Amino acid sequence: MSRADGTTSVRSAINPGSYKLYSVEQNSQQQVDVLRDLQQTVDDLDFWKLDRLVGSDARILVPPSQQQAFQLLLDTQQLRHREIIPDFDSVQDEHLYSAKQSLRSKRLPLTKYLRYNEMVDYI
């Protein structure tokens, strides 16, 4: 869905109670400070990437319980953003399923990057 300010929002109809991964643009020092404060005050948000540089993107994993408040904060602070993964739970489930299948077959999968523990298990 496109908004008047140019940002987009994709709502997950598949699993509305899922974690979501957001990319948030930091276009001013004030926006950098807002996200830095958020990182320090809200324990439920998982900041995967947060630079102190104006012009960089932050990556934030948001639980279902915080999505409405997080979306409101983004809108009120005029932070441009997009959902990178609207249904993180299904992506995580897919990764775990494919990893288990690969380990059962005892073949090294060449179509995806393996996590460290998967490489160790293979060896």
PDB file of N, CA and C in Angstrom:
ATOM      1  N   MET A   1       0.846  -1.166   0.000  1.00  0.00           N
ATOM      2  CA  MET A   1       0.000   0.000   0.000  1.00  0.00           C
ATOM      3  C   MET A   1       0.896   1.235   0.000  1.00  0.00           C
ATOM      4  N   SER A   2       0.657   2.151  -0.908  1.00  0.00           N
ATOM      5  CA  SER A   2       1.463   3.362  -1.002  1.00  0.00           C
ATOM      6  C   SER A   2       0.828   4.466  -0.168  1.00  0.00           C
ATOM      7  N   ARG A   3       1.682   5.250   0.486  1.00  0.00           N
ATOM      8  CA  ARG A   3       1.203   6.334   1.337  1.00  0.00           C
ATOM      9  C   ARG A   3       1.520   7.675   0.700  1.00  0.00           C
ATOM     10  N   ALA A   4       0.912   8.723   1.234  1.00  0.00           N
ATOM     11  CA  ALA A   4       1.114  10.072   0.701  1.00  0.00           C
ATOM     12  C   ALA A   4       2.562  10.524   0.815  1.00  0.00           C
ATOM     13  N   ASP A   5       3.279  10.043   1.847  1.00  0.00           N
ATOM     14  CA  ASP A   5       4.665  10.490   2.038  1.00  0.00           C
ATOM     15  C   ASP A   5       5.669   9.680   1.224  1.00  0.00           C
ATOM     16  N   GLY A   6       5.184   8.745   0.392  1.00  0.00           N
ATOM     17  CA  GLY A   6       6.082   7.984  -0.470  1.00  0.00           C
ATOM     18  C   GLY A   6       6.556   6.671   0.100  1.00  0.00           C
ATOM     19  N   THR A   7       6.275   6.384   1.366  1.00  0.00           N
ATOM     20  CA  THR A   7       6.685   5.109   1.943  1.00  0.00           C
ATOM     21  C   THR A   7       5.669   4.042   1.568  1.00  0.00           C
ATOM     22  N   THR A   8       6.083   2.803   1.678  1.00  0.00           N
ATOM     23  CA  THR A   8       5.182   1.707   1.375  1.00  0.00           C
ATOM     24  C   THR A   8       5.062   0.794   2.563  1.00  0.00           C
ATOM     25  N   SER A   9       3.932   0.144   2.652  1.00  0.00           N
ATOM     26  CA  SER A   9       3.701  -0.806   3.717  1.00  0.00           C
ATOM     27  C   SER A   9       3.060  -2.040   3.126  1.00  0.00           C
ATOM     28  N   VAL A  10       3.639  -3.191   3.416  1.00  0.00           N
ATOM     29  CA  VAL A  10       3.098  -4.444   2.931  1.00  0.00           C
ATOM     30  C   VAL A  10       2.579  -5.200   4.135  1.00  0.00           C
ATOM     31  N   ARG A  11       1.312  -5.503   4.150  1.00  0.00           N
ATOM     32  CA  ARG A  11       0.706  -6.231   5.256  1.00  0.00           C
ATOM     33  C   ARG A  11       0.691  -7.709   4.930  1.00  0.00           C
ATOM     34  N   SER A  12       1.068  -8.523   5.875  1.00  0.00           N
ATOM     35  CA  SER A  12       1.087  -9.958   5.666  1.00  0.00           C
ATOM     36  C   SER A  12      -0.280 -10.549   5.970  1.00  0.00           C
ATOM     37  N   ALA A  13      -0.953 -11.032   4.936  1.00  0.00           N
ATOM     38  CA  ALA A  13      -2.257 -11.661   5.129  1.00  0.00           C
ATOM     39  C   ALA A  13      -2.090 -13.115   5.544  1.00  0.00           C
ATOM     40  N   ILE A  14      -0.918 -13.679   5.326  1.00  0.00           N
ATOM     41  CA  ILE A  14      -0.675 -15.082   5.626  1.00  0.00           C
ATOM     42  C   ILE A  14      -0.608 -15.319   7.122  1.00  0.00           C
ATOM     43  N   ASN A  15       0.198 -14.547   7.818  1.00  0.00           N
ATOM     44  CA  ASN A  15       0.371 -14.726   9.248  1.00  0.00           C
ATOM     45  C   ASN A  15       0.494 -13.357   9.908  1.00  0.00           C
ATOM     46  N   PRO A  16      -0.630 -12.732  10.256  1.00  0.00           N
ATOM     47  CA  PRO A  16      -0.563 -11.390  10.833  1.00  0.00           C
ATOM     48  C   PRO A  16       0.113 -11.346  12.200  1.00  0.00           C
ATOM     49  N   GLY A  17       0.287 -12.497  12.863  1.00  0.00           N
ATOM     50  CA  GLY A  17       0.923 -12.534  14.166  1.00  0.00           C
ATOM     51  C   GLY A  17       2.394 -12.870  14.087  1.00  0.00           C
ATOM     52  N   SER A  18       3.037 -12.583  12.973  1.00  0.00           N
ATOM     53  CA  SER A  18       4.432 -12.942  12.758  1.00  0.00           C
ATOM     54  C   SER A  18       5.364 -11.760  13.033  1.00  0.00           C
ATOM     55  N   TYR A  19       6.605 -12.074  13.348  1.00  0.00           N
ATOM     56  CA  TYR A  19       7.650 -11.050  13.430  1.00  0.00           C
ATOM     57  C   TYR A  19       7.845 -10.472  12.031  1.00  0.00           C
ATOM     58  N   LYS A  20       8.272  -9.203  11.974  1.00  0.00           N
ATOM     59  CA  LYS A  20       8.551  -8.538  10.704  1.00  0.00           C
ATOM     60  C   LYS A  20       9.925  -7.890  10.771  1.00  0.00           C
ATOM     61  N   LEU A  21      10.655  -7.975   9.664  1.00  0.00           N
ATOM     62  CA  LEU A  21      11.950  -7.318   9.567  1.00  0.00           C
ATOM     63  C   LEU A  21      11.789  -6.056   8.731  1.00  0.00           C
ATOM     64  N   TYR A  22      12.159  -4.920   9.325  1.00  0.00           N
ATOM     65  CA  TYR A  22      12.035  -3.617   8.673  1.00  0.00           C
ATOM     66  C   TYR A  22      13.405  -3.063   8.314  1.00  0.00           C
ATOM     67  N   SER A  23      13.435  -2.319   7.219  1.00  0.00           N
ATOM     68  CA  SER A  23      14.564  -1.469   6.871  1.00  0.00           C
ATOM     69  C   SER A  23      14.082  -0.037   7.056  1.00  0.00           C
ATOM     70  N   VAL A  24      14.806   0.732   7.873  1.00  0.00           N
ATOM     71  CA  VAL A  24      14.400   2.098   8.200  1.00  0.00           C
ATOM     72  C   VAL A  24      15.523   3.053   7.803  1.00  0.00           C
ATOM     73  N   GLU A  25      15.177   4.044   6.977  1.00  0.00           N
ATOM     74  CA  GLU A  25      16.159   5.036   6.542  1.00  0.00           C
ATOM     75  C   GLU A  25      16.401   6.065   7.647  1.00  0.00           C
ATOM     76  N   GLN A  26      17.664   6.418   7.830  1.00  0.00           N
ATOM     77  CA  GLN A  26      18.047   7.458   8.790  1.00  0.00           C
ATOM     78  C   GLN A  26      18.571   8.646   7.987  1.00  0.00           C
ATOM     79  N   ASN A  27      17.689   9.599   7.696  1.00  0.00           N
ATOM     80  CA  ASN A  27      18.048  10.701   6.808  1.00  0.00           C
ATOM     81  C   ASN A  27      18.448  11.985   7.520  1.00  0.00           C
ATOM     82  N   SER A  28      18.442  11.976   8.842  1.00  0.00           N
ATOM     83  CA  SER A  28      18.886  13.156   9.599  1.00  0.00           C
ATOM     84  C   SER A  28      19.466  12.686  10.931  1.00  0.00           C
ATOM     85  N   GLN A  29      20.197  13.569  11.582  1.00  0.00           N
ATOM     86  CA  GLN A  29      20.765  13.214  12.885  1.00  0.00           C
ATOM     87  C   GLN A  29      19.653  12.965  13.900  1.00  0.00           C
ATOM     88  N   GLN A  30      18.566  13.691  13.785  1.00  0.00           N
ATOM     89  CA  GLN A  30      17.428  13.488  14.689  1.00  0.00           C
ATOM     90  C   GLN A  30      16.876  12.064  14.541  1.00  0.00           C
ATOM     91  N   GLN A  31      16.768  11.567  13.318  1.00  0.00           N
ATOM     92  CA  GLN A  31      16.270  10.213  13.090  1.00  0.00           C
ATOM     93  C   GLN A  31      17.250   9.162  13.616  1.00  0.00           C
ATOM     94  N   VAL A  32      18.536   9.419  13.463  1.00  0.00           N
ATOM     95  CA  VAL A  32      19.555   8.525  14.029  1.00  0.00           C
ATOM     96  C   VAL A  32      19.380   8.465  15.547  1.00  0.00           C
ATOM     97  N   ASP A  33      19.193   9.621  16.168  1.00  0.00           N
ATOM     98  CA  ASP A  33      19.030   9.691  17.623  1.00  0.00           C
ATOM     99  C   ASP A  33      17.751   8.994  18.091  1.00  0.00           C
ATOM    100  N   VAL A  34      16.660   9.136  17.329  1.00  0.00           N
ATOM    101  CA  VAL A  34      15.396   8.487  17.684  1.00  0.00           C
ATOM    102  C   VAL A  34      15.571   6.973  17.701  1.00  0.00           C
ATOM    103  N   LEU A  35      16.213   6.429  16.673  1.00  0.00           N
ATOM    104  CA  LEU A  35      16.411   4.972  16.617  1.00  0.00           C
ATOM    105  C   LEU A  35      17.392   4.501  17.685  1.00  0.00           C
ATOM    106  N   ARG A  36      18.409   5.288  17.971  1.00  0.00           N
ATOM    107  CA  ARG A  36      19.370   4.934  19.023  1.00  0.00           C
ATOM    108  C   ARG A  36      18.658   4.883  20.385  1.00  0.00           C
ATOM    109  N   ASP A  37      17.810   5.874  20.656  1.00  0.00           N
ATOM    110  CA  ASP A  37      17.035   5.883  21.902  1.00  0.00           C
ATOM    111  C   ASP A  37      16.087   4.695  21.974  1.00  0.00           C
ATOM    112  N   LEU A  38      15.471   4.381  20.849  1.00  0.00           N
ATOM    113  CA  LEU A  38      14.558   3.243  20.787  1.00  0.00           C
ATOM    114  C   LEU A  38      15.287   1.937  21.100  1.00  0.00           C
ATOM    115  N   GLN A  39      16.478   1.801  20.551  1.00  0.00           N
ATOM    116  CA  GLN A  39      17.284   0.602  20.805  1.00  0.00           C
ATOM    117  C   GLN A  39      17.585   0.448  22.299  1.00  0.00           C
ATOM    118  N   GLN A  40      17.830   1.550  22.972  1.00  0.00           N
ATOM    119  CA  GLN A  40      18.204   1.506  24.376  1.00  0.00           C
ATOM    120  C   GLN A  40      17.021   1.388  25.330  1.00  0.00           C
ATOM    121  N   THR A  41      15.815   1.727  24.855  1.00  0.00           N
ATOM    122  CA  THR A  41      14.673   1.750  25.771  1.00  0.00           C
ATOM    123  C   THR A  41      13.652   0.631  25.550  1.00  0.00           C
ATOM    124  N   VAL A  42      13.613   0.039  24.355  1.00  0.00           N
ATOM    125  CA  VAL A  42      12.613  -0.995  24.068  1.00  0.00           C
ATOM    126  C   VAL A  42      13.331  -2.327  23.869  1.00  0.00           C
ATOM    127  N   ASP A  43      13.235  -3.179  24.875  1.00  0.00           N
ATOM    128  CA  ASP A  43      13.949  -4.465  24.842  1.00  0.00           C
ATOM    129  C   ASP A  43      13.383  -5.453  23.834  1.00  0.00           C
ATOM    130  N   ASP A  44      12.102  -5.323  23.474  1.00  0.00           N
ATOM    131  CA  ASP A  44      11.472  -6.285  22.578  1.00  0.00           C
ATOM    132  C   ASP A  44      11.926  -6.155  21.133  1.00  0.00           C
ATOM    133  N   LEU A  45      12.485  -5.025  20.752  1.00  0.00           N
ATOM    134  CA  LEU A  45      12.940  -4.823  19.376  1.00  0.00           C
ATOM    135  C   LEU A  45      14.349  -5.371  19.227  1.00  0.00           C
ATOM    136  N   ASP A  46      14.562  -6.085  18.132  1.00  0.00           N
ATOM    137  CA  ASP A  46      15.873  -6.681  17.863  1.00  0.00           C
ATOM    138  C   ASP A  46      16.539  -5.904  16.725  1.00  0.00           C
ATOM    139  N   PHE A  47      17.509  -5.056  17.078  1.00  0.00           N
ATOM    140  CA  PHE A  47      18.210  -4.242  16.085  1.00  0.00           C
ATOM    141  C   PHE A  47      19.331  -5.069  15.462  1.00  0.00           C
ATOM    142  N   TRP A  48      19.154  -5.442  14.212  1.00  0.00           N
ATOM    143  CA  TRP A  48      20.158  -6.230  13.508  1.00  0.00           C
ATOM    144  C   TRP A  48      21.280  -5.348  12.999  1.00  0.00           C
ATOM    145  N   LYS A  49      20.936  -4.121  12.647  1.00  0.00           N
ATOM    146  CA  LYS A  49      21.933  -3.175  12.132  1.00  0.00           C
ATOM    147  C   LYS A  49      21.487  -1.781  12.519  1.00  0.00           C
ATOM    148  N   LEU A  50      22.374  -1.034  13.142  1.00  0.00           N
ATOM    149  CA  LEU A  50      22.071   0.355  13.491  1.00  0.00           C
ATOM    150  C   LEU A  50      23.379   1.138  13.519  1.00  0.00           C
ATOM    151  N   ASP A  51      23.610   1.907  12.453  1.00  0.00           N
ATOM    152  CA  ASP A  51      24.792   2.756  12.370  1.00  0.00           C
ATOM    153  C   ASP A  51      24.468   4.137  12.918  1.00  0.00           C
ATOM    154  N   ARG A  52      25.487   4.858  13.273  1.00  0.00           N
ATOM    155  CA  ARG A  52      25.307   6.236  13.736  1.00  0.00           C
ATOM    156  C   ARG A  52      25.470   7.232  12.596  1.00  0.00           C
ATOM    157  N   LEU A  53      25.454   6.752  11.383  1.00  0.00           N
ATOM    158  CA  LEU A  53      25.690   7.600  10.223  1.00  0.00           C
ATOM    159  C   LEU A  53      24.380   8.026   9.572  1.00  0.00           C
ATOM    160  N   VAL A  54      24.250   9.315   9.338  1.00  0.00           N
ATOM    161  CA  VAL A  54      23.107   9.820   8.589  1.00  0.00           C
ATOM    162  C   VAL A  54      23.203   9.261   7.168  1.00  0.00           C
ATOM    163  N   GLY A  55      22.081   8.792   6.651  1.00  0.00           N
ATOM    164  CA  GLY A  55      22.059   8.204   5.310  1.00  0.00           C
ATOM    165  C   GLY A  55      22.103   6.691   5.314  1.00  0.00           C
ATOM    166  N   SER A  56      22.344   6.078   6.461  1.00  0.00           N
ATOM    167  CA  SER A  56      22.391   4.614   6.530  1.00  0.00           C
ATOM    168  C   SER A  56      21.002   4.065   6.862  1.00  0.00           C
ATOM    169  N   ASP A  57      20.844   2.783   6.623  1.00  0.00           N
ATOM    170  CA  ASP A  57      19.591   2.092   6.949  1.00  0.00           C
ATOM    171  C   ASP A  57      19.771   1.272   8.212  1.00  0.00           C
ATOM    172  N   ALA A  58      18.735   1.251   9.026  1.00  0.00           N
ATOM    173  CA  ALA A  58      18.697   0.370  10.197  1.00  0.00           C
ATOM    174  C   ALA A  58      17.871  -0.848   9.824  1.00  0.00           C
ATOM    175  N   ARG A  59      18.185  -1.994  10.401  1.00  0.00           N
ATOM    176  CA  ARG A  59      17.405  -3.223  10.216  1.00  0.00           C
ATOM    177  C   ARG A  59      16.879  -3.632  11.584  1.00  0.00           C
ATOM    178  N   ILE A  60      15.563  -3.755  11.692  1.00  0.00           N
ATOM    179  CA  ILE A  60      14.939  -3.992  12.991  1.00  0.00           C
ATOM    180  C   ILE A  60      13.911  -5.105  12.874  1.00  0.00           C
ATOM    181  N   LEU A  61      14.057  -6.123  13.723  1.00  0.00           N
ATOM    182  CA  LEU A  61      13.092  -7.214  13.802  1.00  0.00           C
ATOM    183  C   LEU A  61      12.074  -6.854  14.887  1.00  0.00           C
ATOM    184  N   VAL A  62      10.792  -6.820  14.496  1.00  0.00           N
ATOM    185  CA  VAL A  62       9.736  -6.336  15.392  1.00  0.00           C
ATOM    186  C   VAL A  62       8.766  -7.479  15.699  1.00  0.00           C
ATOM    187  N   PRO A  63       8.535  -7.750  16.995  1.00  0.00           N
ATOM    188  CA  PRO A  63       7.579  -8.804  17.362  1.00  0.00           C
ATOM    189  C   PRO A  63       6.143  -8.331  17.124  1.00  0.00           C
ATOM    190  N   PRO A  64       5.207  -9.268  17.002  1.00  0.00           N
ATOM    191  CA  PRO A  64       3.808  -8.889  16.769  1.00  0.00           C
ATOM    192  C   PRO A  64       3.262  -7.932  17.823  1.00  0.00           C
ATOM    193  N   SER A  65       3.659  -8.101  19.065  1.00  0.00           N
ATOM    194  CA  SER A  65       3.140  -7.260  20.147  1.00  0.00           C
ATOM    195  C   SER A  65       3.579  -5.802  20.036  1.00  0.00           C
ATOM    196  N   GLN A  66       4.626  -5.513  19.284  1.00  0.00           N
ATOM    197  CA  GLN A  66       5.160  -4.155  19.169  1.00  0.00           C
ATOM    198  C   GLN A  66       4.898  -3.509  17.808  1.00  0.00           C
ATOM    199  N   GLN A  67       4.285  -4.240  16.876  1.00  0.00           N
ATOM    200  CA  GLN A  67       4.183  -3.728  15.506  1.00  0.00           C
ATOM    201  C   GLN A  67       3.332  -2.478  15.376  1.00  0.00           C
ATOM    202  N   GLN A  68       2.222  -2.422  16.073  1.00  0.00           N
ATOM    203  CA  GLN A  68       1.364  -1.245  15.965  1.00  0.00           C
ATOM    204  C   GLN A  68       2.066  -0.003  16.527  1.00  0.00           C
ATOM    205  N   ALA A  69       2.678  -0.135  17.694  1.00  0.00           N
ATOM    206  CA  ALA A  69       3.390   1.000  18.298  1.00  0.00           C
ATOM    207  C   ALA A  69       4.597   1.401  17.452  1.00  0.00           C
ATOM    208  N   PHE A  70       5.301   0.409  16.892  1.00  0.00           N
ATOM    209  CA  PHE A  70       6.460   0.689  16.056  1.00  0.00           C
ATOM    210  C   PHE A  70       6.037   1.429  14.789  1.00  0.00           C
ATOM    211  N   GLN A  71       4.960   0.968  14.157  1.00  0.00           N
ATOM    212  CA  GLN A  71       4.451   1.620  12.946  1.00  0.00           C
ATOM    213  C   GLN A  71       4.031   3.063  13.239  1.00  0.00           C
ATOM    214  N   LEU A  72       3.398   3.281  14.381  1.00  0.00           N
ATOM    215  CA  LEU A  72       2.989   4.628  14.782  1.00  0.00           C
ATOM    216  C   LEU A  72       4.213   5.532  14.979  1.00  0.00           C
ATOM    217  N   LEU A  73       5.255   5.001  15.614  1.00  0.00           N
ATOM    218  CA  LEU A  73       6.488   5.768  15.808  1.00  0.00           C
ATOM    219  C   LEU A  73       7.117   6.142  14.471  1.00  0.00           C
ATOM    220  N   LEU A  74       7.180   5.183  13.551  1.00  0.00           N
ATOM    221  CA  LEU A  74       7.752   5.466  12.230  1.00  0.00           C
ATOM    222  C   LEU A  74       6.978   6.582  11.532  1.00  0.00           C
ATOM    223  N   ASP A  75       5.661   6.514  11.630  1.00  0.00           N
ATOM    224  CA  ASP A  75       4.831   7.526  10.976  1.00  0.00           C
ATOM    225  C   ASP A  75       4.974   8.898  11.635  1.00  0.00           C
ATOM    226  N   THR A  76       4.938   8.951  12.957  1.00  0.00           N
ATOM    227  CA  THR A  76       5.021  10.241  13.644  1.00  0.00           C
ATOM    228  C   THR A  76       6.398  10.889  13.492  1.00  0.00           C
ATOM    229  N   GLN A  77       7.447  10.064  13.409  1.00  0.00           N
ATOM    230  CA  GLN A  77       8.803  10.597  13.241  1.00  0.00           C
ATOM    231  C   GLN A  77       9.179  10.772  11.762  1.00  0.00           C
ATOM    232  N   GLN A  78       8.241  10.450  10.881  1.00  0.00           N
ATOM    233  CA  GLN A  78       8.440  10.550   9.427  1.00  0.00           C
ATOM    234  C   GLN A  78       9.680   9.776   8.970  1.00  0.00           C
ATOM    235  N   LEU A  79       9.813   8.575   9.497  1.00  0.00           N
ATOM    236  CA  LEU A  79      10.920   7.698   9.107  1.00  0.00           C
ATOM    237  C   LEU A  79      10.477   6.840   7.913  1.00  0.00           C
ATOM    238  N   ARG A  80      11.178   6.997   6.800  1.00  0.00           N
ATOM    239  CA  ARG A  80      10.876   6.173   5.617  1.00  0.00           C
ATOM    240  C   ARG A  80      11.312   4.748   5.916  1.00  0.00           C
ATOM    241  N   HIS A  81      10.483   3.799   5.521  1.00  0.00           N
ATOM    242  CA  HIS A  81      10.761   2.406   5.868  1.00  0.00           C
ATOM    243  C   HIS A  81      10.092   1.471   4.873  1.00  0.00           C
ATOM    244  N   ARG A  82      10.507   0.226   4.945  1.00  0.00           N
ATOM    245  CA  ARG A  82       9.853  -0.833   4.180  1.00  0.00           C
ATOM    246  C   ARG A  82      10.009  -2.136   4.931  1.00  0.00           C
ATOM    247  N   GLU A  83       9.066  -3.025   4.721  1.00  0.00           N
ATOM    248  CA  GLU A  83       9.156  -4.354   5.312  1.00  0.00           C
ATOM    249  C   GLU A  83      10.007  -5.207   4.388  1.00  0.00           C
ATOM    250  N   ILE A  84      11.111  -5.701   4.917  1.00  0.00           N
ATOM    251  CA  ILE A  84      11.970  -6.581   4.126  1.00  0.00           C
ATOM    252  C   ILE A  84      11.407  -7.995   4.148  1.00  0.00           C
ATOM    253  N   ILE A  85      11.023  -8.441   5.335  1.00  0.00           N
ATOM    254  CA  ILE A  85      10.427  -9.774   5.495  1.00  0.00           C
ATOM    255  C   ILE A  85       9.136  -9.592   6.291  1.00  0.00           C
ATOM    256  N   PRO A  86       7.975  -9.635   5.610  1.00  0.00           N
ATOM    257  CA  PRO A  86       6.715  -9.415   6.309  1.00  0.00           C
ATOM    258  C   PRO A  86       6.255 -10.593   7.172  1.00  0.00           C
ATOM    259  N   ASP A  87       6.798 -11.788   6.925  1.00  0.00           N
ATOM    260  CA  ASP A  87       6.421 -12.973   7.701  1.00  0.00           C
ATOM    261  C   ASP A  87       7.694 -13.740   8.067  1.00  0.00           C
ATOM    262  N   PHE A  88       8.421 -13.195   9.032  1.00  0.00           N
ATOM    263  CA  PHE A  88       9.727 -13.753   9.403  1.00  0.00           C
ATOM    264  C   PHE A  88       9.635 -15.190   9.899  1.00  0.00           C
ATOM    265  N   ASP A  89       8.539 -15.520  10.588  1.00  0.00           N
ATOM    266  CA  ASP A  89       8.386 -16.869  11.133  1.00  0.00           C
ATOM    267  C   ASP A  89       8.413 -17.928  10.036  1.00  0.00           C
ATOM    268  N   SER A  90       7.742 -17.671   8.909  1.00  0.00           N
ATOM    269  CA  SER A  90       7.715 -18.668   7.840  1.00  0.00           C
ATOM    270  C   SER A  90       9.087 -18.800   7.180  1.00  0.00           C
ATOM    271  N   VAL A  91       9.810 -17.697   7.056  1.00  0.00           N
ATOM    272  CA  VAL A  91      11.165 -17.754   6.483  1.00  0.00           C
ATOM    273  C   VAL A  91      12.076 -18.569   7.389  1.00  0.00           C
ATOM    274  N   GLN A  92      11.960 -18.345   8.686  1.00  0.00           N
ATOM    275  CA  GLN A  92      12.775 -19.081   9.650  1.00  0.00           C
ATOM    276  C   GLN A  92      12.419 -20.564   9.618  1.00  0.00           C
ATOM    277  N   ASP A  93      11.120 -20.876   9.552  1.00  0.00           N
ATOM    278  CA  ASP A  93      10.685 -22.273   9.476  1.00  0.00           C
ATOM    279  C   ASP A  93      11.224 -22.945   8.221  1.00  0.00           C
ATOM    280  N   GLU A  94      11.184 -22.231   7.079  1.00  0.00           N
ATOM    281  CA  GLU A  94      11.717 -22.777   5.823  1.00  0.00           C
ATOM    282  C   GLU A  94      13.198 -23.090   5.954  1.00  0.00           C
ATOM    283  N   HIS A  95      13.951 -22.170   6.571  1.00  0.00           N
ATOM    284  CA  HIS A  95      15.394 -22.374   6.719  1.00  0.00           C
ATOM    285  C   HIS A  95      15.676 -23.592   7.598  1.00  0.00           C
ATOM    286  N   LEU A  96      14.962 -23.705   8.706  1.00  0.00           N
ATOM    287  CA  LEU A  96      15.171 -24.850   9.596  1.00  0.00           C
ATOM    288  C   LEU A  96      14.807 -26.161   8.912  1.00  0.00           C
ATOM    289  N   TYR A  97      13.709 -26.164   8.135  1.00  0.00           N
ATOM    290  CA  TYR A  97      13.292 -27.376   7.435  1.00  0.00           C
ATOM    291  C   TYR A  97      14.338 -27.787   6.400  1.00  0.00           C
ATOM    292  N   SER A  98      14.814 -26.824   5.604  1.00  0.00           N
ATOM    293  CA  SER A  98      15.800 -27.164   4.573  1.00  0.00           C
ATOM    294  C   SER A  98      17.122 -27.601   5.190  1.00  0.00           C
ATOM    295  N   ALA A  99      17.488 -27.017   6.325  1.00  0.00           N
ATOM    296  CA  ALA A  99      18.728 -27.426   7.003  1.00  0.00           C
ATOM    297  C   ALA A  99      18.609 -28.861   7.502  1.00  0.00           C
ATOM    298  N   LYS A 100      17.459 -29.222   8.061  1.00  0.00           N
ATOM    299  CA  LYS A 100      17.260 -30.586   8.549  1.00  0.00           C
ATOM    300  C   LYS A 100      17.265 -31.572   7.395  1.00  0.00           C
ATOM    301  N   GLN A 101      16.644 -31.206   6.271  1.00  0.00           N
ATOM    302  CA  GLN A 101      16.631 -32.081   5.097  1.00  0.00           C
ATOM    303  C   GLN A 101      18.053 -32.301   4.585  1.00  0.00           C
ATOM    304  N   SER A 102      18.846 -31.258   4.554  1.00  0.00           N
ATOM    305  CA  SER A 102      20.231 -31.367   4.069  1.00  0.00           C
ATOM    306  C   SER A 102      21.055 -32.271   4.970  1.00  0.00           C
ATOM    307  N   LEU A 103      20.860 -32.141   6.275  1.00  0.00           N
ATOM    308  CA  LEU A 103      21.619 -32.964   7.211  1.00  0.00           C
ATOM    309  C   LEU A 103      21.221 -34.431   7.095  1.00  0.00           C
ATOM    310  N   ARG A 104      19.944 -34.698   6.834  1.00  0.00           N
ATOM    311  CA  ARG A 104      19.498 -36.085   6.673  1.00  0.00           C
ATOM    312  C   ARG A 104      20.097 -36.721   5.435  1.00  0.00           C
ATOM    313  N   SER A 105      20.223 -35.939   4.371  1.00  0.00           N
ATOM    314  CA  SER A 105      20.725 -36.503   3.116  1.00  0.00           C
ATOM    315  C   SER A 105      22.246 -36.640   3.118  1.00  0.00           C
ATOM    316  N   LYS A 106      22.925 -36.027   4.066  1.00  0.00           N
ATOM    317  CA  LYS A 106      24.393 -36.077   4.201  1.00  0.00           C
ATOM    318  C   LYS A 106      25.104 -35.491   2.991  1.00  0.00           C
ATOM    319  N   ARG A 107      24.396 -34.688   2.211  1.00  0.00           N
ATOM    320  CA  ARG A 107      25.021 -34.003   1.074  1.00  0.00           C
ATOM    321  C   ARG A 107      25.157 -32.538   1.419  1.00  0.00           C
ATOM    322  N   LEU A 108      26.199 -31.941   0.942  1.00  0.00           N
ATOM    323  CA  LEU A 108      26.429 -30.523   1.170  1.00  0.00           C
ATOM    324  C   LEU A 108      25.557 -29.718   0.210  1.00  0.00           C
ATOM    325  N   PRO A 109      24.613 -28.925   0.736  1.00  0.00           N
ATOM    326  CA  PRO A 109      23.772 -28.124  -0.165  1.00  0.00           C
ATOM    327  C   PRO A 109      24.586 -26.973  -0.753  1.00  0.00           C
ATOM    328  N   LEU A 110      24.523 -26.835  -2.051  1.00  0.00           N
ATOM    329  CA  LEU A 110      25.293 -25.788  -2.723  1.00  0.00           C
ATOM    330  C   LEU A 110      24.414 -24.624  -3.167  1.00  0.00           C
ATOM    331  N   THR A 111      23.154 -24.637  -2.764  1.00  0.00           N
ATOM    332  CA  THR A 111      22.233 -23.601  -3.202  1.00  0.00           C
ATOM    333  C   THR A 111      21.979 -22.541  -2.147  1.00  0.00           C
ATOM    334  N   LYS A 112      22.582 -22.659  -0.972  1.00  0.00           N
ATOM    335  CA  LYS A 112      22.368 -21.668   0.084  1.00  0.00           C
ATOM    336  C   LYS A 112      23.604 -21.606   0.966  1.00  0.00           C
ATOM    337  N   TYR A 113      23.712 -20.499   1.673  1.00  0.00           N
ATOM    338  CA  TYR A 113      24.816 -20.317   2.611  1.00  0.00           C
ATOM    339  C   TYR A 113      24.484 -21.051   3.905  1.00  0.00           C
ATOM    340  N   LEU A 114      25.392 -21.888   4.345  1.00  0.00           N
ATOM    341  CA  LEU A 114      25.176 -22.646   5.575  1.00  0.00           C
ATOM    342  C   LEU A 114      25.628 -21.842   6.788  1.00  0.00           C
ATOM    343  N   ARG A 115      24.935 -22.023   7.872  1.00  0.00           N
ATOM    344  CA  ARG A 115      25.364 -21.439   9.139  1.00  0.00           C
ATOM    345  C   ARG A 115      26.555 -22.239   9.656  1.00  0.00           C
ATOM    346  N   TYR A 116      27.305 -21.630  10.556  1.00  0.00           N
ATOM    347  CA  TYR A 116      28.530 -22.253  11.056  1.00  0.00           C
ATOM    348  C   TYR A 116      28.262 -23.643  11.633  1.00  0.00           C
ATOM    349  N   ASN A 117      27.234 -23.742  12.490  1.00  0.00           N
ATOM    350  CA  ASN A 117      26.966 -25.043  13.121  1.00  0.00           C
ATOM    351  C   ASN A 117      26.533 -26.085  12.093  1.00  0.00           C
ATOM    352  N   GLU A 118      25.906 -25.668  10.991  1.00  0.00           N
ATOM    353  CA  GLU A 118      25.543 -26.603   9.932  1.00  0.00           C
ATOM    354  C   GLU A 118      26.786 -27.121   9.220  1.00  0.00           C
ATOM    355  N   MET A 119      27.775 -26.256   9.035  1.00  0.00           N
ATOM    356  CA  MET A 119      29.026 -26.673   8.412  1.00  0.00           C
ATOM    357  C   MET A 119      29.769 -27.657   9.306  1.00  0.00           C
ATOM    358  N   VAL A 120      29.788 -27.366  10.581  1.00  0.00           N
ATOM    359  CA  VAL A 120      30.454 -28.256  11.543  1.00  0.00           C
ATOM    360  C   VAL A 120      29.755 -29.603  11.573  1.00  0.00           C
ATOM    361  N   ASP A 121      28.421 -29.599  11.583  1.00  0.00           N
ATOM    362  CA  ASP A 121      27.669 -30.861  11.565  1.00  0.00           C
ATOM    363  C   ASP A 121      27.960 -31.677  10.324  1.00  0.00           C
ATOM    364  N   TYR A 122      28.130 -31.010   9.201  1.00  0.00           N
ATOM    365  CA  TYR A 122      28.419 -31.710   7.941  1.00  0.00           C
ATOM    366  C   TYR A 122      29.778 -32.380   7.992  1.00  0.00           C
ATOM    367  N   ILE A 123      30.736 -31.676   8.570  1.00  0.00           N
ATOM    368  CA  ILE A 123      32.103 -32.206   8.656  1.00  0.00           C
ATOM    369  C   ILE A 123      32.134 -33.358   9.628  1.00  0.00           C
TER     370      ILE A 123
END
